[in-house]
Amino acid sequence: MDAQARFTALRHQDGPIPTAELDEVWAALGPVRAEEILGAWRGSEFDTGHPLNGQLAKAGWHGKTFVSVSDAKPLICRGPDGELYSNIELGKGEASLWNVEFRGEVTATMVYDGRPVFDHFKRVDDDTLMGIMNVKGNAGLFYYFILEK
């Protein structure tokens, strides 16, 4: 099974997904450059048992918007009025996009302004990205997520 097919199967799988399986898919996907992912993206997560699983949904997380490489909005949330907004309070600011080496490859990475967080991205297809959130001090405990145009 190729990486795209495995990604699709895992995103529809019920119950927790072992991170080793997600790491295999990640390794098989191609990197993407920061300037190639500009635009608005809808977000969802892989259930891996990570402490963050379910927490972003409680905050109304909708996705991410990359206006430019220097203007990234990591936490687009839906407010009680139904309107989308950039949750600067939750994110402690916004972010920017960089091409950063992660696991031996240079790929698009969002660097948060106010938190020690990097979100690394790889291309699944033209409208789908796989993301791995990497937090300083996490000892390899990554949060895996999906972005779709």
Protein backbone atom coordinates (compact mmCIF):
# COMPACT_ATOMS: atom_id res chain seq x y z
CA MET A 1 0.00 0.00 0.00
CA ASP A 2 1.43 3.42 -0.92
CA ALA A 3 1.75 6.28 1.58
CA GLN A 4 -1.37 8.12 0.38
CA ALA A 5 -3.54 5.01 0.67
CA ARG A 6 -2.10 4.18 4.10
CA PHE A 7 -2.68 7.79 5.26
CA THR A 8 -6.32 7.59 4.13
CA ALA A 9 -6.84 4.24 5.87
CA LEU A 10 -5.34 5.53 9.13
CA ARG A 11 -7.36 8.74 9.17
CA HIS A 12 -10.58 6.71 8.99
CA GLN A 13 -9.47 4.09 11.50
CA ASP A 14 -11.48 3.87 14.73
CA GLY A 15 -9.61 3.96 18.01
CA PRO A 16 -6.07 4.95 18.82
CA ILE A 17 -3.45 4.76 16.08
CA PRO A 18 0.09 3.68 16.99
CA THR A 19 2.51 6.51 16.31
CA ALA A 20 4.93 4.04 14.69
CA GLU A 21 2.39 3.57 11.87
CA LEU A 22 2.05 7.33 11.41
CA ASP A 23 5.85 7.67 11.41
CA GLU A 24 6.07 5.12 8.58
CA VAL A 25 3.57 7.12 6.52
CA TRP A 26 5.40 10.36 7.32
CA ALA A 27 8.71 8.89 6.16
CA ALA A 28 7.17 7.85 2.83
CA LEU A 29 5.54 11.21 2.06
CA GLY A 30 7.33 13.94 0.17
CA PRO A 31 8.40 17.21 1.79
CA VAL A 32 6.72 20.48 0.87
CA ARG A 33 8.10 24.03 0.78
CA ALA A 34 6.64 26.78 2.97
CA GLU A 35 5.63 28.96 0.03
CA GLU A 36 3.65 26.05 -1.48
CA ILE A 37 1.16 25.73 1.39
CA LEU A 38 -0.25 29.27 1.58
CA GLY A 39 -4.00 29.51 2.08
CA ALA A 40 -6.72 28.38 4.48
CA TRP A 41 -6.68 24.81 5.80
CA ARG A 42 -9.23 22.82 7.81
CA GLY A 43 -7.69 20.78 10.60
CA SER A 44 -8.35 17.43 12.26
CA GLU A 45 -6.27 15.07 14.36
CA PHE A 46 -5.10 11.51 14.53
CA ASP A 47 -6.08 9.81 17.79
CA THR A 48 -2.79 8.55 19.20
CA GLY A 49 -3.56 8.96 22.88
CA HIS A 50 -1.54 12.19 22.98
CA PRO A 51 -2.56 14.52 25.85
CA LEU A 52 -3.61 17.14 23.28
CA ASN A 53 -6.08 14.77 21.56
CA GLY A 54 -9.55 16.32 21.86
CA GLN A 55 -8.32 19.54 23.50
CA LEU A 56 -8.19 21.65 20.33
CA ALA A 57 -11.76 20.64 19.45
CA LYS A 58 -12.88 21.90 22.87
CA ALA A 59 -11.31 25.27 22.00
CA GLY A 60 -13.27 25.37 18.71
CA TRP A 61 -10.21 24.72 16.53
CA HIS A 62 -11.11 24.89 12.85
CA GLY A 63 -7.69 24.86 11.19
CA LYS A 64 -4.76 27.05 10.14
CA THR A 65 -4.36 29.93 7.70
CA PHE A 66 -1.06 30.76 6.03
CA VAL A 67 -1.44 34.28 4.62
CA SER A 68 2.26 34.49 3.73
CA VAL A 69 5.46 32.89 5.02
CA SER A 70 5.71 35.68 7.59
CA ASP A 71 2.00 35.67 8.55
CA ALA A 72 0.69 32.32 9.75
CA LYS A 73 -2.36 31.83 11.95
CA PRO A 74 -1.96 28.49 13.74
CA LEU A 75 -5.19 28.43 15.70
CA ILE A 76 -8.16 29.45 13.60
CA CYS A 77 -11.12 28.78 15.88
CA ARG A 78 -14.88 29.07 15.55
CA GLY A 79 -16.38 31.38 18.15
CA PRO A 80 -19.76 31.03 19.87
CA ASP A 81 -21.23 33.30 17.18
CA GLY A 82 -20.04 30.88 14.47
CA GLU A 83 -17.42 33.27 13.13
CA LEU A 84 -13.83 32.17 12.53
CA TYR A 85 -11.04 34.04 14.27
CA SER A 86 -7.33 33.67 15.03
CA ASN A 87 -7.09 32.59 18.68
CA ILE A 88 -4.05 34.65 19.61
CA GLU A 89 -4.64 34.11 23.33
CA LEU A 90 -4.49 30.31 23.06
CA GLY A 91 -1.50 30.40 20.71
CA LYS A 92 0.25 33.20 22.62
CA GLY A 93 0.56 35.05 19.34
CA GLU A 94 0.63 33.80 15.79
CA ALA A 95 3.43 32.21 13.72
CA SER A 96 5.56 32.17 10.58
CA LEU A 97 6.51 29.53 8.02
CA TRP A 98 10.05 28.29 7.46
CA ASN A 99 11.74 25.48 5.58
CA VAL A 100 13.32 23.48 8.42
CA GLU A 101 15.12 20.16 8.67
CA PHE A 102 13.13 17.55 10.60
CA ARG A 103 14.00 13.86 10.60
CA GLY A 104 16.67 14.42 7.97
CA GLU A 105 14.50 16.29 5.43
CA VAL A 106 13.86 19.97 4.86
CA THR A 107 10.11 20.59 4.85
CA ALA A 108 7.64 23.40 5.56
CA THR A 109 7.47 24.17 9.27
CA MET A 110 5.33 26.62 11.19
CA VAL A 111 7.17 28.29 14.07
CA TYR A 112 4.93 29.70 16.79
CA ASP A 113 5.71 33.24 17.97
CA GLY A 114 4.93 32.73 21.65
CA ARG A 115 5.36 29.03 22.31
CA PRO A 116 8.29 26.61 21.84
CA VAL A 117 6.35 24.77 19.12
CA PHE A 118 7.13 23.68 15.56
CA ASP A 119 4.49 22.19 13.26
CA HIS A 120 6.18 20.22 10.47
CA PHE A 121 4.26 19.44 7.26
CA LYS A 122 4.47 16.93 4.44
CA ARG A 123 2.32 16.67 1.32
CA VAL A 124 -0.19 13.84 1.04
CA ASP A 125 -1.75 15.29 -2.14
CA ASP A 126 -2.51 18.76 -3.57
CA ASP A 127 -5.24 19.38 -0.98
CA THR A 128 -3.96 17.46 2.06
CA LEU A 129 -1.03 17.85 4.43
CA MET A 130 0.13 15.63 7.26
CA GLY A 131 1.40 17.54 10.27
CA ILE A 132 3.53 16.70 13.28
CA MET A 133 3.58 19.11 16.21
CA ASN A 134 6.96 19.15 17.90
CA VAL A 135 7.11 20.86 21.30
CA LYS A 136 10.31 21.69 23.16
CA GLY A 137 10.78 19.26 26.02
CA ASN A 138 8.24 16.73 24.71
CA ALA A 139 10.78 13.87 24.73
CA GLY A 140 9.56 12.59 21.35
CA LEU A 141 5.85 12.69 22.20
CA PHE A 142 4.50 14.18 18.97
CA TYR A 143 0.95 15.31 18.09
CA TYR A 144 -0.15 14.12 14.62
CA PHE A 145 -2.73 16.02 12.60
CA ILE A 146 -4.25 16.62 9.17
CA LEU A 147 -4.80 19.80 7.17
CA GLU A 148 -7.14 19.93 4.16
CA LYS A 149 -7.90 22.75 1.72
